[in-house]
């Protein structure tokens, strides 16, 4: 079997830009009325946070509005 000759590339579309550390302690978390509350989202300081509702102390994912639109569309 032949070995792959492709190389691994690292893509950094926003090199030098980091998402902020948001204070999520007072966030108004929402979950779907259709689901079991496993996925929760909150709108905080112009960003969208998403977490595991079954483990709310676990790390949250932070999305920009553009990333969120791409995720849900």
PDB file of N, CA and C in Angstrom:
ATOM      1  N   UNK A   1       0.848  -1.170   0.000  1.00  0.00           N
ATOM      2  CA  UNK A   1       0.000   0.000   0.000  1.00  0.00           C
ATOM      3  C   UNK A   1       0.895   1.234   0.000  1.00  0.00           C
ATOM      4  N   UNK A   2       0.567   2.195  -0.808  1.00  0.00           N
ATOM      5  CA  UNK A   2       1.370   3.413  -0.923  1.00  0.00           C
ATOM      6  C   UNK A   2       1.124   4.334   0.261  1.00  0.00           C
ATOM      7  N   UNK A   3       2.160   5.071   0.624  1.00  0.00           N
ATOM      8  CA  UNK A   3       2.027   6.041   1.702  1.00  0.00           C
ATOM      9  C   UNK A   3       1.486   7.350   1.152  1.00  0.00           C
ATOM     10  N   UNK A   4       0.766   8.052   1.976  1.00  0.00           N
ATOM     11  CA  UNK A   4       0.236   9.349   1.575  1.00  0.00           C
ATOM     12  C   UNK A   4       1.367  10.359   1.488  1.00  0.00           C
ATOM     13  N   UNK A   5       1.317  11.190   0.483  1.00  0.00           N
ATOM     14  CA  UNK A   5       2.346  12.221   0.335  1.00  0.00           C
ATOM     15  C   UNK A   5       1.833  13.596   0.738  1.00  0.00           C
ATOM     16  N   UNK A   6       0.609  13.649   1.273  1.00  0.00           N
ATOM     17  CA  UNK A   6       0.078  14.947   1.691  1.00  0.00           C
ATOM     18  C   UNK A   6       0.721  15.367   2.998  1.00  0.00           C
ATOM     19  N   UNK A   7       0.811  16.648   3.186  1.00  0.00           N
ATOM     20  CA  UNK A   7       1.383  17.169   4.423  1.00  0.00           C
ATOM     21  C   UNK A   7       0.277  17.772   5.268  1.00  0.00           C
ATOM     22  N   UNK A   8       0.500  17.775   6.540  1.00  0.00           N
ATOM     23  CA  UNK A   8      -0.477  18.356   7.455  1.00  0.00           C
ATOM     24  C   UNK A   8      -0.255  19.863   7.500  1.00  0.00           C
ATOM     25  N   UNK A   9      -1.310  20.608   7.239  1.00  0.00           N
ATOM     26  CA  UNK A   9      -1.219  22.055   7.282  1.00  0.00           C
ATOM     27  C   UNK A   9      -2.014  22.574   8.469  1.00  0.00           C
ATOM     28  N   UNK A  10      -1.540  23.667   9.021  1.00  0.00           N
ATOM     29  CA  UNK A  10      -2.243  24.303  10.116  1.00  0.00           C
ATOM     30  C   UNK A  10      -2.882  25.579   9.597  1.00  0.00           C
ATOM     31  N   UNK A  11      -4.181  25.695   9.771  1.00  0.00           N
ATOM     32  CA  UNK A  11      -4.889  26.879   9.325  1.00  0.00           C
ATOM     33  C   UNK A  11      -5.253  27.731  10.527  1.00  0.00           C
ATOM     34  N   UNK A  12      -4.845  28.984  10.508  1.00  0.00           N
ATOM     35  CA  UNK A  12      -5.175  29.919  11.565  1.00  0.00           C
ATOM     36  C   UNK A  12      -5.813  31.153  10.929  1.00  0.00           C
ATOM     37  N   UNK A  13      -7.123  31.119  10.693  1.00  0.00           N
ATOM     38  CA  UNK A  13      -7.751  32.227   9.988  1.00  0.00           C
ATOM     39  C   UNK A  13      -7.694  33.552  10.739  1.00  0.00           C
ATOM     40  N   UNK A  14      -7.598  33.506  12.038  1.00  0.00           N
ATOM     41  CA  UNK A  14      -7.548  34.723  12.829  1.00  0.00           C
ATOM     42  C   UNK A  14      -6.290  34.725  13.690  1.00  0.00           C
ATOM     43  N   UNK A  15      -5.145  34.536  13.066  1.00  0.00           N
ATOM     44  CA  UNK A  15      -3.880  34.479  13.801  1.00  0.00           C
ATOM     45  C   UNK A  15      -3.725  35.740  14.648  1.00  0.00           C
ATOM     46  N   UNK A  16      -3.413  35.550  15.895  1.00  0.00           N
ATOM     47  CA  UNK A  16      -3.219  36.671  16.796  1.00  0.00           C
ATOM     48  C   UNK A  16      -4.505  37.140  17.472  1.00  0.00           C
ATOM     49  N   UNK A  17      -5.646  36.556  17.114  1.00  0.00           N
ATOM     50  CA  UNK A  17      -6.921  36.936  17.707  1.00  0.00           C
ATOM     51  C   UNK A  17      -7.438  35.783  18.531  1.00  0.00           C
ATOM     52  N   UNK A  18      -7.814  36.079  19.754  1.00  0.00           N
ATOM     53  CA  UNK A  18      -8.355  35.043  20.633  1.00  0.00           C
ATOM     54  C   UNK A  18      -9.744  35.459  21.098  1.00  0.00           C
ATOM     55  N   UNK A  19     -10.589  34.489  21.284  1.00  0.00           N
ATOM     56  CA  UNK A  19     -11.913  34.776  21.820  1.00  0.00           C
ATOM     57  C   UNK A  19     -11.762  35.179  23.283  1.00  0.00           C
ATOM     58  N   UNK A  20     -12.621  36.058  23.749  1.00  0.00           N
ATOM     59  CA  UNK A  20     -12.488  36.543  25.125  1.00  0.00           C
ATOM     60  C   UNK A  20     -12.862  35.480  26.151  1.00  0.00           C
ATOM     61  N   UNK A  21     -12.322  35.645  27.332  1.00  0.00           N
ATOM     62  CA  UNK A  21     -12.741  34.820  28.464  1.00  0.00           C
ATOM     63  C   UNK A  21     -13.993  35.479  29.035  1.00  0.00           C
ATOM     64  N   UNK A  22     -15.130  34.916  28.750  1.00  0.00           N
ATOM     65  CA  UNK A  22     -16.394  35.499  29.180  1.00  0.00           C
ATOM     66  C   UNK A  22     -16.772  35.025  30.575  1.00  0.00           C
ATOM     67  N   UNK A  23     -17.378  35.915  31.341  1.00  0.00           N
ATOM     68  CA  UNK A  23     -17.917  35.538  32.645  1.00  0.00           C
ATOM     69  C   UNK A  23     -19.298  34.939  32.405  1.00  0.00           C
ATOM     70  N   UNK A  24     -19.403  33.640  32.532  1.00  0.00           N
ATOM     71  CA  UNK A  24     -20.657  32.941  32.263  1.00  0.00           C
ATOM     72  C   UNK A  24     -21.447  32.633  33.534  1.00  0.00           C
ATOM     73  N   UNK A  25     -20.982  33.146  34.671  1.00  0.00           N
ATOM     74  CA  UNK A  25     -21.625  32.802  35.943  1.00  0.00           C
ATOM     75  C   UNK A  25     -23.064  33.311  36.033  1.00  0.00           C
ATOM     76  N   UNK A  26     -23.383  34.425  35.393  1.00  0.00           N
ATOM     77  CA  UNK A  26     -24.746  34.961  35.426  1.00  0.00           C
ATOM     78  C   UNK A  26     -25.469  34.794  34.094  1.00  0.00           C
ATOM     79  N   UNK A  27     -24.945  33.943  33.223  1.00  0.00           N
ATOM     80  CA  UNK A  27     -25.543  33.757  31.899  1.00  0.00           C
ATOM     81  C   UNK A  27     -26.936  33.145  32.022  1.00  0.00           C
ATOM     82  N   UNK A  28     -27.827  33.580  31.144  1.00  0.00           N
ATOM     83  CA  UNK A  28     -29.184  33.019  31.084  1.00  0.00           C
ATOM     84  C   UNK A  28     -29.170  31.873  30.079  1.00  0.00           C
ATOM     85  N   UNK A  29     -28.920  30.663  30.567  1.00  0.00           N
ATOM     86  CA  UNK A  29     -28.802  29.492  29.701  1.00  0.00           C
ATOM     87  C   UNK A  29     -30.176  29.055  29.217  1.00  0.00           C
ATOM     88  N   UNK A  30     -30.254  28.700  27.942  1.00  0.00           N
ATOM     89  CA  UNK A  30     -31.503  28.267  27.317  1.00  0.00           C
ATOM     90  C   UNK A  30     -31.315  26.880  26.725  1.00  0.00           C
ATOM     91  N   UNK A  31     -32.379  26.109  26.727  1.00  0.00           N
ATOM     92  CA  UNK A  31     -32.338  24.802  26.066  1.00  0.00           C
ATOM     93  C   UNK A  31     -33.639  24.614  25.295  1.00  0.00           C
ATOM     94  N   UNK A  32     -33.624  23.717  24.368  1.00  0.00           N
ATOM     95  CA  UNK A  32     -34.789  23.462  23.527  1.00  0.00           C
ATOM     96  C   UNK A  32     -35.912  22.836  24.344  1.00  0.00           C
ATOM     97  N   UNK A  33     -37.119  23.264  24.076  1.00  0.00           N
ATOM     98  CA  UNK A  33     -38.264  22.649  24.751  1.00  0.00           C
ATOM     99  C   UNK A  33     -38.531  21.253  24.194  1.00  0.00           C
ATOM    100  N   UNK A  34     -37.939  20.946  23.050  1.00  0.00           N
ATOM    101  CA  UNK A  34     -38.106  19.634  22.414  1.00  0.00           C
ATOM    102  C   UNK A  34     -37.106  18.600  22.939  1.00  0.00           C
ATOM    103  N   UNK A  35     -36.030  19.073  23.545  1.00  0.00           N
ATOM    104  CA  UNK A  35     -34.972  18.158  23.966  1.00  0.00           C
ATOM    105  C   UNK A  35     -34.979  17.895  25.456  1.00  0.00           C
ATOM    106  N   UNK A  36     -33.906  17.283  25.913  1.00  0.00           N
ATOM    107  CA  UNK A  36     -33.761  16.947  27.328  1.00  0.00           C
ATOM    108  C   UNK A  36     -32.892  17.955  28.060  1.00  0.00           C
ATOM    109  N   UNK A  37     -32.514  19.044  27.402  1.00  0.00           N
ATOM    110  CA  UNK A  37     -31.670  20.037  28.047  1.00  0.00           C
ATOM    111  C   UNK A  37     -30.202  19.687  28.003  1.00  0.00           C
ATOM    112  N   UNK A  38     -29.833  18.722  27.155  1.00  0.00           N
ATOM    113  CA  UNK A  38     -28.432  18.318  27.087  1.00  0.00           C
ATOM    114  C   UNK A  38     -27.541  19.417  26.530  1.00  0.00           C
ATOM    115  N   UNK A  39     -28.048  20.172  25.567  1.00  0.00           N
ATOM    116  CA  UNK A  39     -27.291  21.273  24.981  1.00  0.00           C
ATOM    117  C   UNK A  39     -27.959  22.570  25.401  1.00  0.00           C
ATOM    118  N   UNK A  40     -27.159  23.473  25.953  1.00  0.00           N
ATOM    119  CA  UNK A  40     -27.682  24.765  26.375  1.00  0.00           C
ATOM    120  C   UNK A  40     -26.870  25.864  25.708  1.00  0.00           C
ATOM    121  N   UNK A  41     -27.540  26.989  25.407  1.00  0.00           N
ATOM    122  CA  UNK A  41     -26.838  28.131  24.837  1.00  0.00           C
ATOM    123  C   UNK A  41     -27.167  29.378  25.645  1.00  0.00           C
ATOM    124  N   UNK A  42     -26.250  30.342  25.581  1.00  0.00           N
ATOM    125  CA  UNK A  42     -26.453  31.638  26.225  1.00  0.00           C
ATOM    126  C   UNK A  42     -25.830  32.703  25.333  1.00  0.00           C
ATOM    127  N   UNK A  43     -26.469  33.860  25.281  1.00  0.00           N
ATOM    128  CA  UNK A  43     -25.966  34.996  24.515  1.00  0.00           C
ATOM    129  C   UNK A  43     -25.311  35.948  25.507  1.00  0.00           C
ATOM    130  N   UNK A  44     -23.989  36.108  25.389  1.00  0.00           N
ATOM    131  CA  UNK A  44     -23.229  36.887  26.362  1.00  0.00           C
ATOM    132  C   UNK A  44     -22.266  37.822  25.636  1.00  0.00           C
ATOM    133  N   UNK A  45     -22.407  39.113  25.887  1.00  0.00           N
ATOM    134  CA  UNK A  45     -21.475  40.124  25.377  1.00  0.00           C
ATOM    135  C   UNK A  45     -21.225  40.008  23.874  1.00  0.00           C
ATOM    136  N   UNK A  46     -22.256  39.715  23.100  1.00  0.00           N
ATOM    137  CA  UNK A  46     -22.114  39.631  21.653  1.00  0.00           C
ATOM    138  C   UNK A  46     -21.604  38.297  21.142  1.00  0.00           C
ATOM    139  N   UNK A  47     -21.411  37.344  22.017  1.00  0.00           N
ATOM    140  CA  UNK A  47     -20.966  36.006  21.644  1.00  0.00           C
ATOM    141  C   UNK A  47     -22.047  34.999  22.021  1.00  0.00           C
ATOM    142  N   UNK A  48     -21.910  33.787  21.514  1.00  0.00           N
ATOM    143  CA  UNK A  48     -22.834  32.712  21.853  1.00  0.00           C
ATOM    144  C   UNK A  48     -22.032  31.616  22.546  1.00  0.00           C
ATOM    145  N   UNK A  49     -22.456  31.255  23.748  1.00  0.00           N
ATOM    146  CA  UNK A  49     -21.797  30.185  24.499  1.00  0.00           C
ATOM    147  C   UNK A  49     -22.675  28.944  24.419  1.00  0.00           C
ATOM    148  N   UNK A  50     -22.050  27.791  24.305  1.00  0.00           N
ATOM    149  CA  UNK A  50     -22.781  26.532  24.259  1.00  0.00           C
ATOM    150  C   UNK A  50     -22.134  25.574  25.252  1.00  0.00           C
ATOM    151  N   UNK A  51     -22.946  24.864  26.018  1.00  0.00           N
ATOM    152  CA  UNK A  51     -22.413  23.933  27.010  1.00  0.00           C
ATOM    153  C   UNK A  51     -23.260  22.675  27.081  1.00  0.00           C
ATOM    154  N   UNK A  52     -22.708  21.693  27.763  1.00  0.00           N
ATOM    155  CA  UNK A  52     -23.400  20.445  28.043  1.00  0.00           C
ATOM    156  C   UNK A  52     -24.254  20.673  29.287  1.00  0.00           C
ATOM    157  N   UNK A  53     -25.578  20.704  29.121  1.00  0.00           N
ATOM    158  CA  UNK A  53     -26.466  20.943  30.246  1.00  0.00           C
ATOM    159  C   UNK A  53     -26.409  19.857  31.305  1.00  0.00           C
ATOM    160  N   UNK A  54     -26.000  18.660  30.923  1.00  0.00           N
ATOM    161  CA  UNK A  54     -25.869  17.567  31.881  1.00  0.00           C
ATOM    162  C   UNK A  54     -24.624  17.676  32.736  1.00  0.00           C
ATOM    163  N   UNK A  55     -23.699  18.531  32.311  1.00  0.00           N
ATOM    164  CA  UNK A  55     -22.455  18.763  33.042  1.00  0.00           C
ATOM    165  C   UNK A  55     -22.118  20.250  32.941  1.00  0.00           C
ATOM    166  N   UNK A  56     -22.899  21.100  33.599  1.00  0.00           N
ATOM    167  CA  UNK A  56     -22.763  22.546  33.418  1.00  0.00           C
ATOM    168  C   UNK A  56     -21.426  23.139  33.853  1.00  0.00           C
ATOM    169  N   UNK A  57     -20.647  22.412  34.640  1.00  0.00           N
ATOM    170  CA  UNK A  57     -19.338  22.919  35.051  1.00  0.00           C
ATOM    171  C   UNK A  57     -18.239  22.604  34.044  1.00  0.00           C
ATOM    172  N   UNK A  58     -18.578  21.841  33.004  1.00  0.00           N
ATOM    173  CA  UNK A  58     -17.580  21.531  31.974  1.00  0.00           C
ATOM    174  C   UNK A  58     -17.352  22.777  31.116  1.00  0.00           C
ATOM    175  N   UNK A  59     -16.254  22.824  30.370  1.00  0.00           N
ATOM    176  CA  UNK A  59     -15.960  24.008  29.547  1.00  0.00           C
ATOM    177  C   UNK A  59     -17.059  24.279  28.520  1.00  0.00           C
ATOM    178  N   UNK A  60     -17.258  25.547  28.230  1.00  0.00           N
ATOM    179  CA  UNK A  60     -18.237  25.969  27.228  1.00  0.00           C
ATOM    180  C   UNK A  60     -17.529  26.303  25.928  1.00  0.00           C
ATOM    181  N   UNK A  61     -18.222  26.093  24.829  1.00  0.00           N
ATOM    182  CA  UNK A  61     -17.721  26.513  23.525  1.00  0.00           C
ATOM    183  C   UNK A  61     -18.206  27.935  23.284  1.00  0.00           C
ATOM    184  N   UNK A  62     -17.334  28.782  22.759  1.00  0.00           N
ATOM    185  CA  UNK A  62     -17.680  30.172  22.495  1.00  0.00           C
ATOM    186  C   UNK A  62     -17.650  30.407  20.992  1.00  0.00           C
ATOM    187  N   UNK A  63     -18.734  30.964  20.454  1.00  0.00           N
ATOM    188  CA  UNK A  63     -18.854  31.233  19.025  1.00  0.00           C
ATOM    189  C   UNK A  63     -19.049  32.720  18.781  1.00  0.00           C
ATOM    190  N   UNK A  64     -18.471  33.222  17.695  1.00  0.00           N
ATOM    191  CA  UNK A  64     -18.813  34.560  17.225  1.00  0.00           C
ATOM    192  C   UNK A  64     -20.173  34.450  16.539  1.00  0.00           C
ATOM    193  N   UNK A  65     -20.862  35.571  16.313  1.00  0.00           N
ATOM    194  CA  UNK A  65     -22.135  35.486  15.585  1.00  0.00           C
ATOM    195  C   UNK A  65     -21.991  34.844  14.202  1.00  0.00           C
ATOM    196  N   UNK A  66     -20.922  35.133  13.482  1.00  0.00           N
ATOM    197  CA  UNK A  66     -20.711  34.532  12.157  1.00  0.00           C
ATOM    198  C   UNK A  66     -20.507  33.024  12.266  1.00  0.00           C
ATOM    199  N   UNK A  67     -19.749  32.580  13.261  1.00  0.00           N
ATOM    200  CA  UNK A  67     -19.542  31.144  13.458  1.00  0.00           C
ATOM    201  C   UNK A  67     -20.857  30.460  13.816  1.00  0.00           C
ATOM    202  N   UNK A  68     -21.662  31.107  14.653  1.00  0.00           N
ATOM    203  CA  UNK A  68     -22.943  30.531  15.055  1.00  0.00           C
ATOM    204  C   UNK A  68     -23.871  30.383  13.859  1.00  0.00           C
ATOM    205  N   UNK A  69     -23.937  31.426  13.011  1.00  0.00           N
ATOM    206  CA  UNK A  69     -24.772  31.343  11.808  1.00  0.00           C
ATOM    207  C   UNK A  69     -24.326  30.184  10.925  1.00  0.00           C
ATOM    208  N   UNK A  70     -23.018  30.030  10.742  1.00  0.00           N
ATOM    209  CA  UNK A  70     -22.504  28.929   9.919  1.00  0.00           C
ATOM    210  C   UNK A  70     -22.826  27.579  10.557  1.00  0.00           C
ATOM    211  N   UNK A  71     -22.820  27.519  11.877  1.00  0.00           N
ATOM    212  CA  UNK A  71     -23.085  26.278  12.600  1.00  0.00           C
ATOM    213  C   UNK A  71     -24.543  25.850  12.461  1.00  0.00           C
ATOM    214  N   UNK A  72     -25.473  26.794  12.584  1.00  0.00           N
ATOM    215  CA  UNK A  72     -26.887  26.428  12.601  1.00  0.00           C
ATOM    216  C   UNK A  72     -27.541  26.408  11.222  1.00  0.00           C
ATOM    217  N   UNK A  73     -26.903  26.977  10.229  1.00  0.00           N
ATOM    218  CA  UNK A  73     -27.521  26.984   8.889  1.00  0.00           C
ATOM    219  C   UNK A  73     -27.192  25.770   8.098  1.00  0.00           C
TER     220      UNK A  73
END
